[in-house]
PDB file of all heavy atoms in Angstrom:
ATOM      1  N   PHE A   1       0.790  -1.200  -0.002  1.00  0.00           N
ATOM      2  CA  PHE A   1       0.016   0.034  -0.005  1.00  0.00           C
ATOM      3  C   PHE A   1       0.858   1.324   0.016  1.00  0.00           C
ATOM      4  O   PHE A   1       1.838   1.342   0.709  1.00  0.00           O
ATOM      5  CB  PHE A   1      -0.910  -0.014   1.269  1.00  0.00           C
ATOM      6  CG  PHE A   1      -1.754   1.270   1.291  1.00  0.00           C
ATOM      7  CD1 PHE A   1      -2.718   1.542   0.404  1.00  0.00           C
ATOM      8  CD2 PHE A   1      -1.518   2.183   2.355  1.00  0.00           C
ATOM      9  CE1 PHE A   1      -3.495   2.652   0.417  1.00  0.00           C
ATOM     10  CE2 PHE A   1      -2.322   3.382   2.390  1.00  0.00           C
ATOM     11  CZ  PHE A   1      -3.253   3.570   1.406  1.00  0.00           C
ATOM     12  N   HIS A   2       0.423   2.226  -0.819  1.00  0.00           N
ATOM     13  CA  HIS A   2       1.007   3.498  -0.865  1.00  0.00           C
ATOM     14  C   HIS A   2      -0.050   4.641  -0.569  1.00  0.00           C
ATOM     15  O   HIS A   2      -1.032   4.660  -1.281  1.00  0.00           O
ATOM     16  CB  HIS A   2       1.664   3.928  -2.230  1.00  0.00           C
ATOM     17  CG  HIS A   2       2.806   2.960  -2.605  1.00  0.00           C
ATOM     18  ND1 HIS A   2       4.078   3.235  -2.368  1.00  0.00           N
ATOM     19  CD2 HIS A   2       2.705   1.787  -3.306  1.00  0.00           C
ATOM     20  CE1 HIS A   2       4.786   2.281  -2.870  1.00  0.00           C
ATOM     21  NE2 HIS A   2       4.041   1.384  -3.429  1.00  0.00           N
ATOM     22  N   GLU A   3       0.159   5.421   0.443  1.00  0.00           N
ATOM     23  CA  GLU A   3      -0.799   6.536   0.726  1.00  0.00           C
ATOM     24  C   GLU A   3      -0.270   7.696  -0.104  1.00  0.00           C
ATOM     25  O   GLU A   3       0.676   8.429   0.270  1.00  0.00           O
ATOM     26  CB  GLU A   3      -0.831   6.895   2.225  1.00  0.00           C
ATOM     27  CG  GLU A   3      -1.896   7.911   2.537  1.00  0.00           C
ATOM     28  CD  GLU A   3      -2.054   8.145   4.030  1.00  0.00           C
ATOM     29  OE1 GLU A   3      -1.586   7.333   4.832  1.00  0.00           O
ATOM     30  OE2 GLU A   3      -2.658   9.207   4.348  1.00  0.00           O
ATOM     31  N   ILE A   4      -1.005   7.944  -1.253  1.00  0.00           N
ATOM     32  CA  ILE A   4      -0.603   8.968  -2.187  1.00  0.00           C
ATOM     33  C   ILE A   4      -1.762   9.684  -2.684  1.00  0.00           C
ATOM     34  O   ILE A   4      -2.797   9.107  -2.975  1.00  0.00           O
ATOM     35  CB  ILE A   4       0.224   8.349  -3.395  1.00  0.00           C
ATOM     36  CG1 ILE A   4       1.530   7.806  -2.973  1.00  0.00           C
ATOM     37  CG2 ILE A   4       0.395   9.331  -4.551  1.00  0.00           C
ATOM     38  CD1 ILE A   4       2.275   7.043  -4.081  1.00  0.00           C
ATOM     39  N   ASP A   5      -1.669  11.003  -2.802  1.00  0.00           N
ATOM     40  CA  ASP A   5      -2.651  11.788  -3.495  1.00  0.00           C
ATOM     41  C   ASP A   5      -2.257  11.847  -4.950  1.00  0.00           C
ATOM     42  O   ASP A   5      -1.264  12.401  -5.369  1.00  0.00           O
ATOM     43  CB  ASP A   5      -2.740  13.151  -2.897  1.00  0.00           C
ATOM     44  CG  ASP A   5      -3.918  13.989  -3.526  1.00  0.00           C
ATOM     45  OD1 ASP A   5      -4.333  13.768  -4.647  1.00  0.00           O
ATOM     46  OD2 ASP A   5      -4.413  14.918  -2.776  1.00  0.00           O
ATOM     47  N   LEU A   6      -3.055  11.295  -5.844  1.00  0.00           N
ATOM     48  CA  LEU A   6      -2.694  11.204  -7.275  1.00  0.00           C
ATOM     49  C   LEU A   6      -2.665  12.549  -7.984  1.00  0.00           C
ATOM     50  O   LEU A   6      -2.124  12.646  -9.104  1.00  0.00           O
ATOM     51  CB  LEU A   6      -3.707  10.257  -8.002  1.00  0.00           C
ATOM     52  CG  LEU A   6      -3.611   8.812  -7.518  1.00  0.00           C
ATOM     53  CD1 LEU A   6      -4.733   7.971  -8.109  1.00  0.00           C
ATOM     54  CD2 LEU A   6      -2.245   8.197  -7.931  1.00  0.00           C
ATOM     55  N   SER A   7      -3.251  13.607  -7.377  1.00  0.00           N
ATOM     56  CA  SER A   7      -3.172  14.866  -7.960  1.00  0.00           C
ATOM     57  C   SER A   7      -1.704  15.475  -7.704  1.00  0.00           C
ATOM     58  O   SER A   7      -1.409  16.518  -8.286  1.00  0.00           O
ATOM     59  CB  SER A   7      -4.219  15.829  -7.322  1.00  0.00           C
ATOM     60  OG  SER A   7      -3.964  16.132  -6.032  1.00  0.00           O
ATOM     61  N   ASN A   8      -0.926  14.820  -6.953  1.00  0.00           N
ATOM     62  CA  ASN A   8       0.481  15.219  -6.762  1.00  0.00           C
ATOM     63  C   ASN A   8       1.309  14.565  -7.935  1.00  0.00           C
ATOM     64  O   ASN A   8       1.494  13.404  -7.917  1.00  0.00           O
ATOM     65  CB  ASN A   8       0.974  14.695  -5.434  1.00  0.00           C
ATOM     66  CG  ASN A   8       2.432  15.091  -5.179  1.00  0.00           C
ATOM     67  OD1 ASN A   8       3.296  15.100  -6.046  1.00  0.00           O
ATOM     68  ND2 ASN A   8       2.750  15.438  -3.901  1.00  0.00           N
ATOM     69  N   GLN A   9       1.688  15.382  -8.855  1.00  0.00           N
ATOM     70  CA  GLN A   9       2.303  14.796 -10.119  1.00  0.00           C
ATOM     71  C   GLN A   9       3.551  14.107  -9.838  1.00  0.00           C
ATOM     72  O   GLN A   9       3.818  12.987 -10.382  1.00  0.00           O
ATOM     73  CB  GLN A   9       2.524  15.960 -11.133  1.00  0.00           C
ATOM     74  CG  GLN A   9       2.976  15.520 -12.485  1.00  0.00           C
ATOM     75  CD  GLN A   9       4.470  15.399 -12.601  1.00  0.00           C
ATOM     76  OE1 GLN A   9       5.185  16.009 -11.858  1.00  0.00           O
ATOM     77  NE2 GLN A   9       4.925  14.522 -13.504  1.00  0.00           N
ATOM     78  N   GLN A  10       4.439  14.661  -8.984  1.00  0.00           N
ATOM     79  CA  GLN A  10       5.723  14.019  -8.723  1.00  0.00           C
ATOM     80  C   GLN A  10       5.563  12.714  -7.982  1.00  0.00           C
ATOM     81  O   GLN A  10       6.250  11.727  -8.375  1.00  0.00           O
ATOM     82  CB  GLN A  10       6.620  14.931  -7.905  1.00  0.00           C
ATOM     83  CG  GLN A  10       8.050  14.428  -7.669  1.00  0.00           C
ATOM     84  CD  GLN A  10       8.741  14.184  -9.024  1.00  0.00           C
ATOM     85  OE1 GLN A  10       8.895  15.075  -9.888  1.00  0.00           O
ATOM     86  NE2 GLN A  10       9.204  12.870  -9.240  1.00  0.00           N
ATOM     87  N   ALA A  11       4.684  12.673  -7.016  1.00  0.00           N
ATOM     88  CA  ALA A  11       4.480  11.431  -6.312  1.00  0.00           C
ATOM     89  C   ALA A  11       3.853  10.333  -7.155  1.00  0.00           C
ATOM     90  O   ALA A  11       4.313   9.180  -7.090  1.00  0.00           O
ATOM     91  CB  ALA A  11       3.520  11.708  -5.136  1.00  0.00           C
ATOM     92  N   THR A  12       2.983  10.737  -8.032  1.00  0.00           N
ATOM     93  CA  THR A  12       2.401   9.735  -9.003  1.00  0.00           C
ATOM     94  C   THR A  12       3.446   9.196  -9.965  1.00  0.00           C
ATOM     95  O   THR A  12       3.474   7.983 -10.298  1.00  0.00           O
ATOM     96  CB  THR A  12       1.199  10.358  -9.721  1.00  0.00           C
ATOM     97  OG1 THR A  12       0.269  10.827  -8.735  1.00  0.00           O
ATOM     98  CG2 THR A  12       0.522   9.291 -10.575  1.00  0.00           C
ATOM     99  N   GLN A  13       4.240  10.128 -10.483  1.00  0.00           N
ATOM    100  CA  GLN A  13       5.316   9.754 -11.430  1.00  0.00           C
ATOM    101  C   GLN A  13       6.294   8.759 -10.770  1.00  0.00           C
ATOM    102  O   GLN A  13       6.658   7.699 -11.307  1.00  0.00           O
ATOM    103  CB  GLN A  13       6.093  10.970 -11.903  1.00  0.00           C
ATOM    104  CG  GLN A  13       7.229  10.643 -12.823  1.00  0.00           C
ATOM    105  CD  GLN A  13       7.987  11.902 -13.274  1.00  0.00           C
ATOM    106  OE1 GLN A  13       7.430  12.955 -13.393  1.00  0.00           O
ATOM    107  NE2 GLN A  13       9.289  11.787 -13.481  1.00  0.00           N
ATOM    108  N   THR A  14       6.656   9.031  -9.522  1.00  0.00           N
ATOM    109  CA  THR A  14       7.578   8.191  -8.823  1.00  0.00           C
ATOM    110  C   THR A  14       7.012   6.870  -8.569  1.00  0.00           C
ATOM    111  O   THR A  14       7.687   5.763  -8.641  1.00  0.00           O
ATOM    112  CB  THR A  14       8.012   8.838  -7.483  1.00  0.00           C
ATOM    113  OG1 THR A  14       8.623  10.088  -7.685  1.00  0.00           O
ATOM    114  CG2 THR A  14       8.917   7.931  -6.656  1.00  0.00           C
ATOM    115  N   LEU A  15       5.686   6.806  -8.228  1.00  0.00           N
ATOM    116  CA  LEU A  15       4.993   5.521  -8.031  1.00  0.00           C
ATOM    117  C   LEU A  15       5.085   4.659  -9.206  1.00  0.00           C
ATOM    118  O   LEU A  15       5.404   3.447  -9.200  1.00  0.00           O
ATOM    119  CB  LEU A  15       3.515   5.821  -7.711  1.00  0.00           C
ATOM    120  CG  LEU A  15       2.565   4.607  -7.669  1.00  0.00           C
ATOM    121  CD1 LEU A  15       2.818   3.766  -6.422  1.00  0.00           C
ATOM    122  CD2 LEU A  15       1.079   5.071  -7.729  1.00  0.00           C
ATOM    123  N   PHE A  16       4.750   5.180 -10.410  1.00  0.00           N
ATOM    124  CA  PHE A  16       4.827   4.458 -11.657  1.00  0.00           C
ATOM    125  C   PHE A  16       6.281   3.956 -11.931  1.00  0.00           C
ATOM    126  O   PHE A  16       6.533   2.783 -12.417  1.00  0.00           O
ATOM    127  CB  PHE A  16       4.239   5.172 -12.814  1.00  0.00           C
ATOM    128  CG  PHE A  16       2.727   5.002 -12.886  1.00  0.00           C
ATOM    129  CD1 PHE A  16       1.971   5.971 -12.154  1.00  0.00           C
ATOM    130  CD2 PHE A  16       2.198   4.086 -13.637  1.00  0.00           C
ATOM    131  CE1 PHE A  16       0.489   5.786 -12.254  1.00  0.00           C
ATOM    132  CE2 PHE A  16       0.801   3.929 -13.730  1.00  0.00           C
ATOM    133  CZ  PHE A  16      -0.050   4.840 -13.045  1.00  0.00           C
ATOM    134  N   GLU A  17       7.222   4.810 -11.764  1.00  0.00           N
ATOM    135  CA  GLU A  17       8.572   4.434 -12.067  1.00  0.00           C
ATOM    136  C   GLU A  17       9.208   3.399 -11.111  1.00  0.00           C
ATOM    137  O   GLU A  17       9.955   2.557 -11.519  1.00  0.00           O
ATOM    138  CB  GLU A  17       9.473   5.722 -11.923  1.00  0.00           C
ATOM    139  CG  GLU A  17       9.273   6.833 -13.003  1.00  0.00           C
ATOM    140  CD  GLU A  17      10.039   8.094 -12.788  1.00  0.00           C
ATOM    141  OE1 GLU A  17      10.550   8.268 -11.635  1.00  0.00           O
ATOM    142  OE2 GLU A  17      10.104   8.909 -13.717  1.00  0.00           O
ATOM    143  N   THR A  18       8.658   3.407  -9.863  1.00  0.00           N
ATOM    144  CA  THR A  18       9.114   2.473  -8.900  1.00  0.00           C
ATOM    145  C   THR A  18       8.447   1.103  -8.992  1.00  0.00           C
ATOM    146  O   THR A  18       9.080   0.076  -9.032  1.00  0.00           O
ATOM    147  CB  THR A  18       8.881   2.969  -7.427  1.00  0.00           C
ATOM    148  OG1 THR A  18       9.560   4.247  -7.297  1.00  0.00           O
ATOM    149  CG2 THR A  18       9.411   2.000  -6.400  1.00  0.00           C
ATOM    150  N   GLU A  19       7.099   1.074  -9.244  1.00  0.00           N
ATOM    151  CA  GLU A  19       6.373  -0.138  -9.216  1.00  0.00           C
ATOM    152  C   GLU A  19       6.272  -0.771 -10.527  1.00  0.00           C
ATOM    153  O   GLU A  19       6.164  -1.972 -10.657  1.00  0.00           O
ATOM    154  CB  GLU A  19       4.934   0.129  -8.652  1.00  0.00           C
ATOM    155  CG  GLU A  19       4.970   0.462  -7.173  1.00  0.00           C
ATOM    156  CD  GLU A  19       5.339  -0.675  -6.281  1.00  0.00           C
ATOM    157  OE1 GLU A  19       5.587  -1.763  -6.790  1.00  0.00           O
ATOM    158  OE2 GLU A  19       5.460  -0.427  -5.062  1.00  0.00           O
ATOM    159  N   LYS A  20       6.286   0.027 -11.678  1.00  0.00           N
ATOM    160  CA  LYS A  20       6.216  -0.571 -12.965  1.00  0.00           C
ATOM    161  C   LYS A  20       5.102  -1.629 -13.192  1.00  0.00           C
ATOM    162  O   LYS A  20       5.334  -2.773 -13.566  1.00  0.00           O
ATOM    163  CB  LYS A  20       7.535  -1.197 -13.384  1.00  0.00           C
ATOM    164  CG  LYS A  20       8.741  -0.206 -13.439  1.00  0.00           C
ATOM    165  CD  LYS A  20       9.958  -0.901 -13.803  1.00  0.00           C
ATOM    166  CE  LYS A  20      11.079   0.095 -13.929  1.00  0.00           C
ATOM    167  NZ  LYS A  20      11.403   0.818 -12.666  1.00  0.00           N
ATOM    168  N   PRO A  21       3.751  -1.161 -12.910  1.00  0.00           N
ATOM    169  CA  PRO A  21       2.708  -2.177 -12.995  1.00  0.00           C
ATOM    170  C   PRO A  21       2.487  -2.585 -14.486  1.00  0.00           C
ATOM    171  O   PRO A  21       2.702  -1.787 -15.411  1.00  0.00           O
ATOM    172  CB  PRO A  21       1.493  -1.324 -12.498  1.00  0.00           C
ATOM    173  CG  PRO A  21       1.886   0.106 -12.778  1.00  0.00           C
ATOM    174  CD  PRO A  21       3.346   0.143 -12.650  1.00  0.00           C
ATOM    175  N   LYS A  22       1.996  -3.688 -14.658  1.00  0.00           N
ATOM    176  CA  LYS A  22       1.527  -4.184 -16.000  1.00  0.00           C
ATOM    177  C   LYS A  22       0.127  -3.699 -16.385  1.00  0.00           C
ATOM    178  O   LYS A  22      -0.117  -3.415 -17.487  1.00  0.00           O
ATOM    179  CB  LYS A  22       1.569  -5.767 -16.094  1.00  0.00           C
ATOM    180  CG  LYS A  22       2.960  -6.349 -16.189  1.00  0.00           C
ATOM    181  CD  LYS A  22       3.579  -6.127 -17.506  1.00  0.00           C
ATOM    182  CE  LYS A  22       4.923  -6.755 -17.626  1.00  0.00           C
ATOM    183  NZ  LYS A  22       5.559  -6.405 -18.923  1.00  0.00           N
ATOM    184  N   ARG A  23      -0.731  -3.722 -15.381  1.00  0.00           N
ATOM    185  CA  ARG A  23      -2.095  -3.243 -15.640  1.00  0.00           C
ATOM    186  C   ARG A  23      -2.416  -2.262 -14.499  1.00  0.00           C
ATOM    187  O   ARG A  23      -1.934  -2.325 -13.437  1.00  0.00           O
ATOM    188  CB  ARG A  23      -3.114  -4.380 -15.654  1.00  0.00           C
ATOM    189  CG  ARG A  23      -2.876  -5.376 -16.807  1.00  0.00           C
ATOM    190  CD  ARG A  23      -3.805  -6.581 -16.692  1.00  0.00           C
ATOM    191  NE  ARG A  23      -3.455  -7.621 -17.663  1.00  0.00           N
ATOM    192  CZ  ARG A  23      -3.949  -8.857 -17.658  1.00  0.00           C
ATOM    193  NH1 ARG A  23      -4.859  -9.209 -16.787  1.00  0.00           N
ATOM    194  NH2 ARG A  23      -3.569  -9.698 -18.593  1.00  0.00           N
ATOM    195  N   VAL A  24      -3.349  -1.331 -14.795  1.00  0.00           N
ATOM    196  CA  VAL A  24      -3.862  -0.372 -13.844  1.00  0.00           C
ATOM    197  C   VAL A  24      -5.360  -0.359 -13.803  1.00  0.00           C
ATOM    198  O   VAL A  24      -6.029  -0.268 -14.801  1.00  0.00           O
ATOM    199  CB  VAL A  24      -3.336   1.077 -14.211  1.00  0.00           C
ATOM    200  CG1 VAL A  24      -3.941   2.075 -13.237  1.00  0.00           C
ATOM    201  CG2 VAL A  24      -1.793   1.100 -14.120  1.00  0.00           C
ATOM    202  N   LEU A  25      -5.906  -0.502 -12.598  1.00  0.00           N
ATOM    203  CA  LEU A  25      -7.351  -0.410 -12.334  1.00  0.00           C
ATOM    204  C   LEU A  25      -7.517   0.861 -11.566  1.00  0.00           C
ATOM    205  O   LEU A  25      -7.213   0.956 -10.382  1.00  0.00           O
ATOM    206  CB  LEU A  25      -7.854  -1.577 -11.545  1.00  0.00           C
ATOM    207  CG  LEU A  25      -9.339  -1.613 -11.214  1.00  0.00           C
ATOM    208  CD1 LEU A  25     -10.204  -1.423 -12.403  1.00  0.00           C
ATOM    209  CD2 LEU A  25      -9.690  -2.873 -10.470  1.00  0.00           C
ATOM    210  N   HIS A  26      -8.001   1.900 -12.258  1.00  0.00           N
ATOM    211  CA  HIS A  26      -8.094   3.263 -11.607  1.00  0.00           C
ATOM    212  C   HIS A  26      -9.428   3.451 -11.123  1.00  0.00           C
ATOM    213  O   HIS A  26     -10.415   3.732 -11.887  1.00  0.00           O
ATOM    214  CB  HIS A  26      -7.707   4.342 -12.669  1.00  0.00           C
ATOM    215  CG  HIS A  26      -7.811   5.699 -12.130  1.00  0.00           C
ATOM    216  ND1 HIS A  26      -7.077   6.154 -11.074  1.00  0.00           N
ATOM    217  CD2 HIS A  26      -8.637   6.717 -12.512  1.00  0.00           C
ATOM    218  CE1 HIS A  26      -7.397   7.481 -10.800  1.00  0.00           C
ATOM    219  NE2 HIS A  26      -8.314   7.806 -11.652  1.00  0.00           N
ATOM    220  N   LEU A  27      -9.623   3.354  -9.800  1.00  0.00           N
ATOM    221  CA  LEU A  27     -10.992   3.587  -9.150  1.00  0.00           C
ATOM    222  C   LEU A  27     -10.954   4.776  -8.199  1.00  0.00           C
ATOM    223  O   LEU A  27     -12.047   5.142  -7.679  1.00  0.00           O
ATOM    224  CB  LEU A  27     -11.294   2.326  -8.348  1.00  0.00           C
ATOM    225  CG  LEU A  27     -11.362   0.996  -9.189  1.00  0.00           C
ATOM    226  CD1 LEU A  27     -11.531  -0.240  -8.255  1.00  0.00           C
ATOM    227  CD2 LEU A  27     -12.495   1.064 -10.196  1.00  0.00           C
ATOM    228  N   ALA A  28      -9.824   5.366  -8.031  1.00  0.00           N
ATOM    229  CA  ALA A  28      -9.740   6.545  -7.109  1.00  0.00           C
ATOM    230  C   ALA A  28     -10.490   7.706  -7.719  1.00  0.00           C
ATOM    231  O   ALA A  28     -10.308   7.981  -8.981  1.00  0.00           O
ATOM    232  CB  ALA A  28      -8.227   6.917  -6.878  1.00  0.00           C
ATOM    233  N   ALA A  29     -11.249   8.400  -6.941  1.00  0.00           N
ATOM    234  CA  ALA A  29     -12.033   9.620  -7.433  1.00  0.00           C
ATOM    235  C   ALA A  29     -12.612  10.265  -6.179  1.00  0.00           C
ATOM    236  O   ALA A  29     -12.819   9.758  -5.174  1.00  0.00           O
ATOM    237  CB  ALA A  29     -13.108   9.176  -8.429  1.00  0.00           C
ATOM    238  N   GLN A  30     -12.960  11.536  -6.418  1.00  0.00           N
ATOM    239  CA  GLN A  30     -13.852  12.228  -5.450  1.00  0.00           C
ATOM    240  C   GLN A  30     -15.298  11.867  -5.864  1.00  0.00           C
ATOM    241  O   GLN A  30     -15.775  12.284  -6.893  1.00  0.00           O
ATOM    242  CB  GLN A  30     -13.659  13.754  -5.463  1.00  0.00           C
ATOM    243  CG  GLN A  30     -14.643  14.508  -4.637  1.00  0.00           C
ATOM    244  CD  GLN A  30     -14.610  14.106  -3.143  1.00  0.00           C
ATOM    245  OE1 GLN A  30     -13.610  14.132  -2.561  1.00  0.00           O
ATOM    246  NE2 GLN A  30     -15.775  13.760  -2.626  1.00  0.00           N
ATOM    247  N   PRO A  31     -15.954  11.069  -5.039  1.00  0.00           N
ATOM    248  CA  PRO A  31     -17.360  10.568  -5.404  1.00  0.00           C
ATOM    249  C   PRO A  31     -18.372  11.656  -4.909  1.00  0.00           C
ATOM    250  O   PRO A  31     -18.107  12.619  -4.172  1.00  0.00           O
ATOM    251  CB  PRO A  31     -17.511   9.297  -4.665  1.00  0.00           C
ATOM    252  CG  PRO A  31     -16.695   9.488  -3.423  1.00  0.00           C
ATOM    253  CD  PRO A  31     -15.539  10.315  -3.781  1.00  0.00           C
ATOM    254  N   GLY A  32     -19.610  11.362  -5.290  1.00  0.00           N
ATOM    255  CA  GLY A  32     -20.786  12.127  -4.800  1.00  0.00           C
ATOM    256  C   GLY A  32     -21.303  13.129  -5.746  1.00  0.00           C
ATOM    257  O   GLY A  32     -20.681  14.185  -5.867  1.00  0.00           O
ATOM    258  N   VAL A  33     -22.474  12.872  -6.240  1.00  0.00           N
ATOM    259  CA  VAL A  33     -23.175  13.850  -7.108  1.00  0.00           C
ATOM    260  C   VAL A  33     -23.531  15.157  -6.371  1.00  0.00           C
ATOM    261  O   VAL A  33     -23.179  16.250  -6.683  1.00  0.00           O
ATOM    262  CB  VAL A  33     -24.430  13.246  -7.767  1.00  0.00           C
ATOM    263  CG1 VAL A  33     -25.253  14.317  -8.407  1.00  0.00           C
ATOM    264  CG2 VAL A  33     -24.017  12.217  -8.781  1.00  0.00           C
ATOM    265  N   ARG A  34     -24.156  14.924  -5.179  1.00  0.00           N
ATOM    266  CA  ARG A  34     -24.659  16.119  -4.434  1.00  0.00           C
ATOM    267  C   ARG A  34     -23.603  16.953  -3.843  1.00  0.00           C
ATOM    268  O   ARG A  34     -23.642  18.157  -3.799  1.00  0.00           O
ATOM    269  CB  ARG A  34     -25.639  15.585  -3.351  1.00  0.00           C
ATOM    270  CG  ARG A  34     -26.898  15.051  -3.863  1.00  0.00           C
ATOM    271  CD  ARG A  34     -27.682  14.233  -2.867  1.00  0.00           C
ATOM    272  NE  ARG A  34     -28.759  13.415  -3.508  1.00  0.00           N
ATOM    273  CZ  ARG A  34     -29.313  12.398  -3.000  1.00  0.00           C
ATOM    274  NH1 ARG A  34     -28.946  11.918  -1.761  1.00  0.00           N
ATOM    275  NH2 ARG A  34     -30.312  11.810  -3.616  1.00  0.00           N
ATOM    276  N   HIS A  35     -22.508  16.285  -3.372  1.00  0.00           N
ATOM    277  CA  HIS A  35     -21.361  16.978  -2.781  1.00  0.00           C
ATOM    278  C   HIS A  35     -20.755  17.944  -3.837  1.00  0.00           C
ATOM    279  O   HIS A  35     -20.181  19.001  -3.440  1.00  0.00           O
ATOM    280  CB  HIS A  35     -20.354  15.938  -2.226  1.00  0.00           C
ATOM    281  CG  HIS A  35     -19.184  16.597  -1.416  1.00  0.00           C
ATOM    282  ND1 HIS A  35     -19.428  17.165  -0.243  1.00  0.00           N
ATOM    283  CD2 HIS A  35     -17.912  16.723  -1.739  1.00  0.00           C
ATOM    284  CE1 HIS A  35     -18.284  17.594   0.233  1.00  0.00           C
ATOM    285  NE2 HIS A  35     -17.315  17.332  -0.657  1.00  0.00           N
ATOM    286  N   SER A  36     -20.768  17.510  -5.073  1.00  0.00           N
ATOM    287  CA  SER A  36     -20.108  18.314  -6.161  1.00  0.00           C
ATOM    288  C   SER A  36     -20.824  19.609  -6.405  1.00  0.00           C
ATOM    289  O   SER A  36     -20.252  20.595  -7.023  1.00  0.00           O
ATOM    290  CB  SER A  36     -20.009  17.454  -7.437  1.00  0.00           C
ATOM    291  OG  SER A  36     -21.277  17.374  -8.059  1.00  0.00           O
ATOM    292  N   LEU A  37     -22.077  19.776  -5.954  1.00  0.00           N
ATOM    293  CA  LEU A  37     -22.795  20.994  -6.197  1.00  0.00           C
ATOM    294  C   LEU A  37     -22.221  22.135  -5.443  1.00  0.00           C
ATOM    295  O   LEU A  37     -22.164  23.283  -5.941  1.00  0.00           O
ATOM    296  CB  LEU A  37     -24.283  20.763  -5.818  1.00  0.00           C
ATOM    297  CG  LEU A  37     -25.048  19.639  -6.497  1.00  0.00           C
ATOM    298  CD1 LEU A  37     -26.520  19.639  -6.001  1.00  0.00           C
ATOM    299  CD2 LEU A  37     -25.043  19.766  -7.984  1.00  0.00           C
ATOM    300  N   ASP A  38     -21.703  21.877  -4.251  1.00  0.00           N
ATOM    301  CA  ASP A  38     -21.194  22.975  -3.414  1.00  0.00           C
ATOM    302  C   ASP A  38     -19.701  22.928  -3.145  1.00  0.00           C
ATOM    303  O   ASP A  38     -19.174  23.834  -2.631  1.00  0.00           O
ATOM    304  CB  ASP A  38     -21.967  22.862  -2.060  1.00  0.00           C
ATOM    305  CG  ASP A  38     -23.423  23.068  -2.094  1.00  0.00           C
ATOM    306  OD1 ASP A  38     -23.810  23.969  -2.869  1.00  0.00           O
ATOM    307  OD2 ASP A  38     -24.088  22.300  -1.495  1.00  0.00           O
ATOM    308  N   HIS A  39     -19.050  21.806  -3.581  1.00  0.00           N
ATOM    309  CA  HIS A  39     -17.598  21.591  -3.343  1.00  0.00           C
ATOM    310  C   HIS A  39     -16.949  21.196  -4.639  1.00  0.00           C
ATOM    311  O   HIS A  39     -16.494  20.046  -4.773  1.00  0.00           O
ATOM    312  CB  HIS A  39     -17.422  20.608  -2.221  1.00  0.00           C
ATOM    313  CG  HIS A  39     -18.067  20.987  -0.926  1.00  0.00           C
ATOM    314  ND1 HIS A  39     -19.295  20.594  -0.682  1.00  0.00           N
ATOM    315  CD2 HIS A  39     -17.585  21.705   0.135  1.00  0.00           C
ATOM    316  CE1 HIS A  39     -19.660  21.037   0.590  1.00  0.00           C
ATOM    317  NE2 HIS A  39     -18.637  21.634   1.054  1.00  0.00           N
ATOM    318  N   PRO A  40     -16.880  22.077  -5.629  1.00  0.00           N
ATOM    319  CA  PRO A  40     -16.337  21.645  -6.951  1.00  0.00           C
ATOM    320  C   PRO A  40     -14.826  21.405  -6.969  1.00  0.00           C
ATOM    321  O   PRO A  40     -14.374  20.539  -7.702  1.00  0.00           O
ATOM    322  CB  PRO A  40     -16.736  22.823  -7.856  1.00  0.00           C
ATOM    323  CG  PRO A  40     -16.749  23.937  -6.941  1.00  0.00           C
ATOM    324  CD  PRO A  40     -17.316  23.467  -5.685  1.00  0.00           C
ATOM    325  N   GLN A  41     -14.042  22.061  -6.142  1.00  0.00           N
ATOM    326  CA  GLN A  41     -12.581  21.982  -6.311  1.00  0.00           C
ATOM    327  C   GLN A  41     -12.023  20.529  -6.042  1.00  0.00           C
ATOM    328  O   GLN A  41     -11.134  20.146  -6.923  1.00  0.00           O
ATOM    329  CB  GLN A  41     -11.909  22.876  -5.322  1.00  0.00           C
ATOM    330  CG  GLN A  41     -10.493  23.204  -5.668  1.00  0.00           C
ATOM    331  CD  GLN A  41     -10.313  23.801  -7.126  1.00  0.00           C
ATOM    332  OE1 GLN A  41     -11.110  24.610  -7.537  1.00  0.00           O
ATOM    333  NE2 GLN A  41      -9.347  23.353  -7.869  1.00  0.00           N
TER     334      GLN A  41
END
């Protein structure tokens, strides 16, 4: 496990360079339709 914020470009680049995955399943996201109405950032 790596605790990383993927919006951090350098941390994400280092992750891929270090781990060299064959496949990626990207499920990380800010969820919630209603929350997005008042908290867009």
